[in-house]
Amino acid sequence: FRMSWLRPPPAGTKLTPWVPDLIFIPISRAFERVGVYFYNRVLNKTEIGLFDKRWNKNVHGPYCHWRYYGTRDTRLMNVKLSELPAWLARREKTPGAFYNEVMRNIWRVHNKYYSGPVYGNTVKTIFRFIFCYSFLCWLVKSHRYLDFQKTMYHW
């Protein structure tokens, strides 16, 4: 039992490349080179994606992505209105700080809802995604039902 479409072509057969490959391979290589250039010249010079500089393995133990390793400050809800400008002035406003804050919150939500002993059930996670997907689909299509509701009892 041999499958002819799996056999290699006979020796000396001239194979012409598939036409979309002639178009997409040079484009994808160009994108790859631009990505490598951007990584080497821009991203590599920043501290994006690295561990927090204030983390010390001997003091804090293993690195937690969702934990803030800087000095604790007053929570925003506990700041008085007169202290608000000073509180805002103490915040770090660099792009790296914004990135780190977003990533800390993403890791915090992941750790709280999608991992750990309480939420470790894969079936629950799958059903959460199914519910979110169906709700978003309903939300996108809900404008179709508004006209129907207006004319339902007006025959």
Protein backbone atom coordinates (compact mmCIF):
# COMPACT_ATOMS: atom_id res chain seq x y z
CA PHE A 1 0.00 0.00 0.00
CA ARG A 2 1.76 3.11 -1.28
CA MET A 3 0.50 6.61 -1.47
CA SER A 4 1.69 8.24 -4.64
CA TRP A 5 1.35 11.76 -3.30
CA LEU A 6 3.87 11.03 -0.51
CA ARG A 7 6.58 9.70 -2.82
CA PRO A 8 9.40 12.10 -3.74
CA PRO A 9 9.53 13.10 -7.41
CA PRO A 10 11.95 11.24 -9.68
CA ALA A 11 15.49 12.54 -9.97
CA GLY A 12 15.91 15.36 -12.49
CA THR A 13 12.33 16.66 -12.12
CA LYS A 14 12.24 20.45 -12.39
CA LEU A 15 10.13 21.83 -9.55
CA THR A 16 8.83 25.36 -9.92
CA PRO A 17 8.04 27.19 -6.68
CA TRP A 18 4.46 27.84 -5.80
CA VAL A 19 3.58 31.36 -7.01
CA PRO A 20 2.46 32.79 -3.63
CA ASP A 21 5.80 31.66 -2.18
CA LEU A 22 7.56 33.91 -4.68
CA ILE A 23 5.58 36.81 -3.20
CA PHE A 24 5.25 36.01 0.50
CA ILE A 25 8.70 34.61 1.31
CA PRO A 26 10.58 37.86 0.51
CA ILE A 27 7.91 39.91 2.33
CA SER A 28 8.06 37.69 5.42
CA ARG A 29 11.86 37.83 5.42
CA ALA A 30 11.71 41.63 5.22
CA PHE A 31 9.30 41.71 8.19
CA GLU A 32 11.60 39.38 10.09
CA ARG A 33 14.61 41.61 9.45
CA VAL A 34 12.66 44.71 10.53
CA GLY A 35 11.56 42.88 13.69
CA VAL A 36 15.13 41.83 14.50
CA TYR A 37 16.35 45.39 13.87
CA PHE A 38 13.59 46.81 16.13
CA TYR A 39 14.37 44.32 18.88
CA ASN A 40 18.14 44.88 18.76
CA ARG A 41 18.06 48.68 18.43
CA VAL A 42 14.95 49.63 20.44
CA LEU A 43 13.53 46.95 22.76
CA ASN A 44 16.89 45.59 23.85
CA LYS A 45 17.91 49.06 25.07
CA THR A 46 14.89 49.29 27.39
CA GLU A 47 14.11 47.28 30.51
CA ILE A 48 10.83 45.94 29.14
CA GLY A 49 10.34 42.28 29.99
CA LEU A 50 13.10 42.11 32.60
CA PHE A 51 12.71 41.41 36.32
CA ASP A 52 12.12 44.41 38.56
CA LYS A 53 15.43 45.95 39.68
CA ARG A 54 14.18 46.21 43.27
CA TRP A 55 13.63 42.43 43.54
CA ASN A 56 16.16 40.63 45.71
CA LYS A 57 16.03 36.84 45.75
CA ASN A 58 17.41 36.62 49.28
CA VAL A 59 14.81 39.04 50.67
CA HIS A 60 11.69 38.36 48.58
CA GLY A 61 12.14 34.73 47.59
CA PRO A 62 11.00 33.56 44.14
CA TYR A 63 9.92 36.28 41.72
CA CYS A 64 6.18 36.98 41.60
CA HIS A 65 5.07 38.78 38.44
CA TRP A 66 2.03 40.36 40.10
CA ARG A 67 3.86 41.79 43.13
CA TYR A 68 5.13 45.37 43.35
CA TYR A 69 8.66 45.40 44.77
CA GLY A 70 8.94 49.15 45.35
CA THR A 71 8.29 50.93 48.62
CA ARG A 72 4.67 50.93 49.73
CA ASP A 73 2.76 54.18 49.36
CA THR A 74 -0.67 55.33 50.45
CA ARG A 75 -3.52 53.80 48.46
CA LEU A 76 -5.35 56.17 46.13
CA MET A 77 -8.61 55.70 48.03
CA ASN A 78 -6.90 56.81 51.26
CA VAL A 79 -5.32 59.96 49.79
CA LYS A 80 -6.90 63.25 50.85
CA LEU A 81 -7.70 65.81 48.19
CA SER A 82 -5.01 68.19 49.47
CA GLU A 83 -2.38 65.41 49.26
CA LEU A 84 -3.33 64.34 45.74
CA PRO A 85 -0.76 66.49 43.82
CA ALA A 86 2.10 65.21 46.01
CA TRP A 87 0.85 61.64 45.60
CA LEU A 88 0.74 62.03 41.80
CA ALA A 89 4.22 63.60 41.80
CA ARG A 90 5.62 60.47 43.51
CA ARG A 91 4.38 58.20 40.70
CA GLU A 92 6.80 57.05 38.03
CA LYS A 93 5.51 58.17 34.61
CA THR A 94 7.85 56.42 32.17
CA PRO A 95 6.66 54.04 29.43
CA GLY A 96 8.44 51.19 31.24
CA ALA A 97 6.50 51.96 34.43
CA PHE A 98 3.19 51.91 32.55
CA TYR A 99 4.15 48.63 30.89
CA ASN A 100 5.15 47.08 34.22
CA GLU A 101 1.88 48.19 35.82
CA VAL A 102 -0.20 46.70 33.01
CA MET A 103 1.74 43.44 33.14
CA ARG A 104 1.43 43.27 36.94
CA ASN A 105 -2.34 43.58 36.64
CA ILE A 106 -2.54 40.98 33.87
CA TRP A 107 -0.52 38.53 35.99
CA ARG A 108 -2.62 39.38 39.08
CA VAL A 109 -5.88 38.59 37.26
CA HIS A 110 -4.38 35.42 35.79
CA ASN A 111 -3.18 34.26 39.20
CA LYS A 112 -6.48 35.13 40.87
CA TYR A 113 -8.91 33.67 38.31
CA TYR A 114 -7.14 31.20 36.02
CA SER A 115 -4.59 29.41 38.18
CA GLY A 116 -4.05 28.34 41.76
CA PRO A 117 -5.85 25.76 43.87
CA VAL A 118 -9.27 27.46 43.80
CA TYR A 119 -9.58 28.11 40.07
CA GLY A 120 -7.38 25.28 38.82
CA ASN A 121 -10.26 23.51 37.10
CA THR A 122 -9.77 23.53 33.32
CA VAL A 123 -13.46 22.93 32.63
CA LYS A 124 -14.42 26.10 34.52
CA THR A 125 -11.92 28.12 32.51
CA ILE A 126 -13.21 26.71 29.22
CA PHE A 127 -16.80 27.53 30.15
CA ARG A 128 -15.78 31.05 31.18
CA PHE A 129 -14.29 31.61 27.74
CA ILE A 130 -17.38 30.14 26.06
CA PHE A 131 -19.63 32.44 28.09
CA CYS A 132 -17.49 35.51 27.28
CA TYR A 133 -17.47 34.61 23.59
CA SER A 134 -21.23 34.07 23.41
CA PHE A 135 -21.91 37.27 25.36
CA LEU A 136 -19.68 39.30 23.04
CA CYS A 137 -21.36 37.76 19.99
CA TRP A 138 -24.77 38.66 21.43
CA LEU A 139 -23.53 42.18 22.15
CA VAL A 140 -22.27 42.62 18.59
CA LYS A 141 -25.53 41.33 17.07
CA SER A 142 -27.93 42.93 19.54
CA HIS A 143 -28.71 45.85 17.21
CA ARG A 144 -30.49 43.38 14.92
CA TYR A 145 -33.06 42.62 17.61
CA LEU A 146 -33.96 46.23 18.40
CA ASP A 147 -36.00 46.73 15.22
CA PHE A 148 -37.77 43.44 15.85
CA GLN A 149 -38.79 44.57 19.34
CA LYS A 150 -40.20 47.83 17.99
CA THR A 151 -42.47 46.10 15.48
CA MET A 152 -43.37 42.95 17.36
CA TYR A 153 -46.88 43.97 18.50
CA HIS A 154 -47.70 46.43 15.70
CA TRP A 155 -49.12 44.25 12.96
